[in-house]
N, C-alpha and C. Protein backbone atom coordinates (compact mmCIF):
# COMPACT_ATOMS: atom_id res chain seq x y z
N MET A 1 -88.50 138.92 -61.95
CA MET A 1 -88.12 137.69 -62.66
C MET A 1 -88.53 137.81 -64.11
N ALA A 2 -87.72 137.40 -64.95
CA ALA A 2 -87.97 137.51 -66.41
C ALA A 2 -88.96 136.47 -66.81
N HIS A 3 -89.83 136.81 -67.76
CA HIS A 3 -90.72 135.86 -68.40
C HIS A 3 -90.03 135.14 -69.52
N THR A 4 -90.03 133.83 -69.43
CA THR A 4 -89.35 133.02 -70.44
C THR A 4 -90.32 132.09 -71.13
N ALA A 5 -89.95 131.60 -72.25
CA ALA A 5 -90.78 130.64 -72.96
C ALA A 5 -90.93 129.35 -72.20
N PRO A 6 -92.05 128.70 -72.27
CA PRO A 6 -92.16 127.42 -71.55
C PRO A 6 -91.19 126.36 -72.12
N ARG A 7 -90.68 125.61 -71.23
CA ARG A 7 -89.71 124.56 -71.59
C ARG A 7 -90.41 123.37 -72.28
N ARG A 8 -89.82 122.91 -73.36
CA ARG A 8 -90.33 121.73 -74.03
C ARG A 8 -89.17 120.75 -74.17
N THR A 9 -89.41 119.50 -73.89
CA THR A 9 -88.39 118.50 -74.05
C THR A 9 -88.64 117.77 -75.36
N ALA A 10 -87.58 117.36 -75.98
CA ALA A 10 -87.65 116.60 -77.23
C ALA A 10 -88.07 115.20 -76.96
N PHE A 11 -87.80 114.70 -75.77
CA PHE A 11 -88.10 113.25 -75.50
C PHE A 11 -89.52 112.98 -75.13
N ALA A 12 -90.14 113.93 -74.41
CA ALA A 12 -91.50 113.66 -73.95
C ALA A 12 -92.41 114.84 -74.21
N PRO A 13 -92.82 115.04 -75.44
CA PRO A 13 -93.70 116.21 -75.69
C PRO A 13 -95.05 115.97 -75.04
N ARG A 14 -95.63 117.09 -74.57
CA ARG A 14 -96.93 117.01 -73.89
C ARG A 14 -98.03 116.88 -74.89
N ARG A 15 -98.92 115.90 -74.68
CA ARG A 15 -100.11 115.81 -75.54
C ARG A 15 -101.30 116.24 -74.78
N THR A 16 -102.23 116.81 -75.42
CA THR A 16 -103.47 117.18 -74.78
C THR A 16 -104.50 116.08 -75.11
N GLY A 17 -105.45 115.98 -74.28
CA GLY A 17 -106.49 114.96 -74.52
C GLY A 17 -106.56 113.99 -73.32
N ARG A 18 -107.28 112.90 -73.54
CA ARG A 18 -107.54 111.91 -72.50
C ARG A 18 -106.64 110.71 -72.68
N ARG A 19 -106.35 110.08 -71.55
CA ARG A 19 -105.55 108.89 -71.60
C ARG A 19 -106.56 107.70 -71.79
N HIS A 20 -106.07 106.68 -72.49
CA HIS A 20 -106.95 105.52 -72.73
C HIS A 20 -107.22 104.82 -71.39
N PRO A 21 -108.43 104.37 -71.18
CA PRO A 21 -108.78 103.78 -69.85
C PRO A 21 -107.87 102.54 -69.51
N LEU A 22 -107.48 101.81 -70.51
CA LEU A 22 -106.57 100.68 -70.23
C LEU A 22 -105.26 101.10 -69.71
N VAL A 23 -104.69 102.19 -70.24
CA VAL A 23 -103.41 102.75 -69.79
C VAL A 23 -103.54 103.26 -68.36
N ALA A 24 -104.65 103.89 -68.11
CA ALA A 24 -104.89 104.40 -66.72
C ALA A 24 -105.02 103.22 -65.71
N THR A 25 -105.64 102.16 -66.15
CA THR A 25 -105.80 101.02 -65.31
C THR A 25 -104.42 100.33 -65.03
N LEU A 26 -103.64 100.21 -66.10
CA LEU A 26 -102.33 99.61 -65.94
C LEU A 26 -101.40 100.44 -65.02
N MET A 27 -101.62 101.78 -65.04
CA MET A 27 -100.85 102.66 -64.18
C MET A 27 -101.29 102.47 -62.75
N ALA A 28 -102.53 102.19 -62.47
CA ALA A 28 -103.10 102.12 -61.14
C ALA A 28 -102.91 100.76 -60.48
N LEU A 29 -102.73 99.73 -61.28
CA LEU A 29 -102.69 98.36 -60.71
C LEU A 29 -101.50 98.18 -59.75
N PRO A 30 -100.31 98.63 -60.02
CA PRO A 30 -99.24 98.37 -59.03
C PRO A 30 -99.50 99.05 -57.64
N LEU A 31 -100.04 100.25 -57.71
CA LEU A 31 -100.40 100.90 -56.47
C LEU A 31 -101.54 100.16 -55.74
N ALA A 32 -102.49 99.69 -56.49
CA ALA A 32 -103.56 98.89 -55.86
C ALA A 32 -103.05 97.61 -55.26
N ALA A 33 -102.12 96.94 -55.92
CA ALA A 33 -101.56 95.75 -55.32
C ALA A 33 -100.76 96.05 -54.03
N LEU A 34 -100.05 97.13 -54.09
CA LEU A 34 -99.34 97.56 -52.88
C LEU A 34 -100.24 97.87 -51.70
N LEU A 35 -101.33 98.57 -52.01
CA LEU A 35 -102.32 98.91 -50.95
C LEU A 35 -103.04 97.66 -50.42
N LEU A 36 -103.22 96.72 -51.35
CA LEU A 36 -103.86 95.51 -50.96
C LEU A 36 -102.97 94.72 -49.91
N LEU A 37 -101.64 94.71 -50.17
CA LEU A 37 -100.75 94.02 -49.24
C LEU A 37 -100.62 94.76 -47.90
N VAL A 38 -100.55 96.11 -48.03
CA VAL A 38 -100.32 96.86 -46.79
C VAL A 38 -101.55 96.89 -45.86
N PHE A 39 -102.72 97.02 -46.44
CA PHE A 39 -103.89 97.18 -45.63
C PHE A 39 -104.71 95.92 -45.47
N ASP A 40 -104.09 94.78 -45.31
CA ASP A 40 -104.73 93.65 -44.74
C ASP A 40 -105.63 92.80 -45.69
N GLY A 41 -105.43 92.87 -46.97
CA GLY A 41 -106.07 91.91 -47.84
C GLY A 41 -107.45 92.31 -48.40
N TRP A 42 -108.13 91.29 -48.99
CA TRP A 42 -109.27 91.46 -49.80
C TRP A 42 -110.47 92.10 -49.05
N GLU A 43 -110.63 91.67 -47.81
CA GLU A 43 -111.83 92.09 -47.07
C GLU A 43 -111.87 93.59 -46.89
N THR A 44 -110.76 94.22 -46.59
CA THR A 44 -110.67 95.66 -46.39
C THR A 44 -110.87 96.35 -47.75
N VAL A 45 -110.27 95.83 -48.77
CA VAL A 45 -110.45 96.42 -50.12
C VAL A 45 -111.91 96.33 -50.56
N ALA A 46 -112.57 95.20 -50.34
CA ALA A 46 -113.93 95.04 -50.71
C ALA A 46 -114.83 95.99 -49.93
N THR A 47 -114.57 96.10 -48.63
CA THR A 47 -115.34 97.03 -47.84
C THR A 47 -115.19 98.51 -48.24
N GLN A 48 -113.97 98.90 -48.52
CA GLN A 48 -113.75 100.28 -49.00
C GLN A 48 -114.36 100.49 -50.36
N ALA A 49 -114.20 99.50 -51.25
CA ALA A 49 -114.82 99.66 -52.62
C ALA A 49 -116.39 99.81 -52.47
N SER A 50 -116.94 98.97 -51.63
CA SER A 50 -118.43 99.02 -51.42
C SER A 50 -118.76 100.43 -50.86
N SER A 51 -118.02 100.96 -49.89
CA SER A 51 -118.34 102.29 -49.35
C SER A 51 -118.26 103.38 -50.36
N VAL A 52 -117.21 103.29 -51.21
CA VAL A 52 -117.04 104.25 -52.24
C VAL A 52 -118.16 104.20 -53.26
N GLY A 53 -118.51 102.95 -53.68
CA GLY A 53 -119.67 102.78 -54.58
C GLY A 53 -120.95 103.29 -54.04
N ALA A 54 -121.16 103.08 -52.75
CA ALA A 54 -122.42 103.62 -52.17
C ALA A 54 -122.37 105.14 -52.13
N MET A 55 -121.20 105.70 -51.82
CA MET A 55 -121.10 107.19 -51.81
C MET A 55 -121.29 107.77 -53.15
N LEU A 56 -120.88 107.11 -54.22
CA LEU A 56 -121.10 107.59 -55.55
C LEU A 56 -122.50 107.28 -56.07
N GLY A 57 -123.26 106.52 -55.36
CA GLY A 57 -124.62 106.22 -55.74
C GLY A 57 -124.75 105.04 -56.73
N ARG A 58 -123.85 104.13 -56.67
CA ARG A 58 -123.91 102.96 -57.55
C ARG A 58 -124.30 101.71 -56.79
């Protein structure tokens, strides 16, 4: 297979660096809301968040 130059699009150039935390939060909120509805509400989410926090040592 021939080696070609990497593709670059004019509409969405790749930037290096970190995403702003607010942008990351806004991206995650719809998925969090969907999981909240699918997995039985606040109690389950609170339990899982507590477990993750304990596992991370917070």
